[in-house]
Amino acid sequence: MNHAQLWLPDELPWWVKAPKLRPLYTWIRALYVDGQRLPVMIVNTWHATMVQARDAERARIFYCLAEGFSLLNVESEILKQQIPLI
């Protein structure tokens, strides 16, 4: 949230050091302009280990990508290349 720098004028986020993150910060800024909304995180499942949590996250990302949802996290960019072709 901090990196979206909502207090700066609405323009190309030049301050973003990793260009691949620009879509995420642009999305956060667009949400904020639209009624001062901000993204939230909803935890829907707890896992006993970090490995289980990562596996569950990857499975959810695969599902969302297969359904055509627009994801802005870096992990989804990596996993897009690993989706098995049917």
Protein backbone atom coordinates (compact mmCIF):
# COMPACT_ATOMS: atom_id res chain seq x y z
CA MET A 1 0.00 0.00 0.00
CA ASN A 2 2.81 2.39 0.86
CA HIS A 3 4.45 1.92 -2.51
CA ALA A 4 1.30 3.08 -4.31
CA GLN A 5 2.05 6.54 -2.84
CA LEU A 6 -1.54 7.72 -2.96
CA TRP A 7 -0.54 11.26 -1.94
CA LEU A 8 1.36 11.87 -5.21
CA PRO A 9 -0.42 13.27 -8.30
CA ASP A 10 -2.11 10.74 -10.58
CA GLU A 11 0.48 10.01 -13.26
CA LEU A 12 2.71 7.18 -14.43
CA PRO A 13 4.19 5.71 -11.23
CA TRP A 14 7.79 6.70 -11.98
CA TRP A 15 8.90 5.85 -8.44
CA VAL A 16 8.25 2.11 -8.89
CA LYS A 17 11.67 0.46 -9.04
CA ALA A 18 10.35 -2.78 -10.57
CA PRO A 19 8.29 -1.94 -13.69
CA LYS A 20 6.45 -5.27 -13.44
CA LEU A 21 4.78 -3.91 -10.28
CA ARG A 22 3.36 -0.82 -12.01
CA PRO A 23 0.02 -2.49 -12.84
CA LEU A 24 -0.49 -3.32 -9.15
CA TYR A 25 0.19 0.24 -7.99
CA THR A 26 -1.91 1.69 -10.81
CA TRP A 27 -4.79 -0.58 -9.75
CA ILE A 28 -4.47 0.46 -6.09
CA ARG A 29 -4.47 4.13 -7.09
CA ALA A 30 -7.54 3.61 -9.33
CA LEU A 31 -9.41 1.96 -6.46
CA TYR A 32 -8.55 4.86 -4.20
CA VAL A 33 -9.76 7.43 -6.74
CA ASP A 34 -13.03 5.48 -6.98
CA GLY A 35 -14.50 6.32 -3.58
CA GLN A 36 -11.27 6.05 -1.58
CA ARG A 37 -11.50 2.26 -1.68
CA LEU A 38 -8.45 0.17 -0.82
CA PRO A 39 -7.73 -3.53 -1.39
CA VAL A 40 -8.24 -5.97 1.47
CA MET A 41 -6.92 -9.42 2.21
CA ILE A 42 -9.37 -12.14 3.18
CA VAL A 43 -7.96 -15.26 4.81
CA ASN A 44 -10.26 -18.15 4.00
CA THR A 45 -8.15 -21.10 5.15
CA TRP A 46 -5.46 -21.68 7.77
CA HIS A 47 -2.66 -24.18 7.15
CA ALA A 48 -0.35 -25.84 9.66
CA THR A 49 2.83 -25.20 7.71
CA MET A 50 4.20 -22.58 5.36
CA VAL A 51 4.64 -25.27 2.69
CA GLN A 52 0.94 -26.13 2.85
CA ALA A 53 0.05 -22.44 2.69
CA ARG A 54 2.25 -21.88 -0.40
CA ASP A 55 0.77 -24.94 -2.11
CA ALA A 56 -2.75 -23.71 -1.40
CA GLU A 57 -1.88 -20.23 -2.68
CA ARG A 58 -0.42 -21.65 -5.89
CA ALA A 59 -3.49 -23.84 -6.41
CA ARG A 60 -5.74 -20.79 -5.98
CA ILE A 61 -3.65 -18.76 -8.41
CA PHE A 62 -3.82 -21.58 -10.99
CA TYR A 63 -7.59 -21.71 -10.54
CA CYS A 64 -7.98 -17.94 -10.95
CA LEU A 65 -5.78 -17.91 -14.05
CA ALA A 66 -7.70 -20.82 -15.57
CA GLU A 67 -10.95 -18.93 -14.95
CA GLY A 68 -9.51 -15.86 -16.67
CA PHE A 69 -9.42 -13.61 -13.61
CA SER A 70 -7.06 -10.66 -13.78
CA LEU A 71 -4.33 -11.07 -11.17
CA LEU A 72 -1.70 -8.47 -10.38
CA ASN A 73 0.64 -10.34 -8.06
CA VAL A 74 4.12 -11.28 -9.23
CA GLU A 75 3.58 -14.95 -8.35
CA SER A 76 0.79 -15.18 -10.92
CA GLU A 77 3.17 -13.99 -13.66
CA ILE A 78 5.54 -16.82 -12.78
CA LEU A 79 2.78 -19.41 -12.61
CA LYS A 80 1.22 -18.37 -15.94
CA GLN A 81 4.19 -20.01 -17.61
CA GLN A 82 3.59 -23.27 -15.72
CA ILE A 83 -0.09 -23.81 -16.56
CA PRO A 84 -0.38 -27.20 -18.25
CA LEU A 85 -1.88 -27.06 -21.72
CA ILE A 86 -4.97 -29.24 -22.08
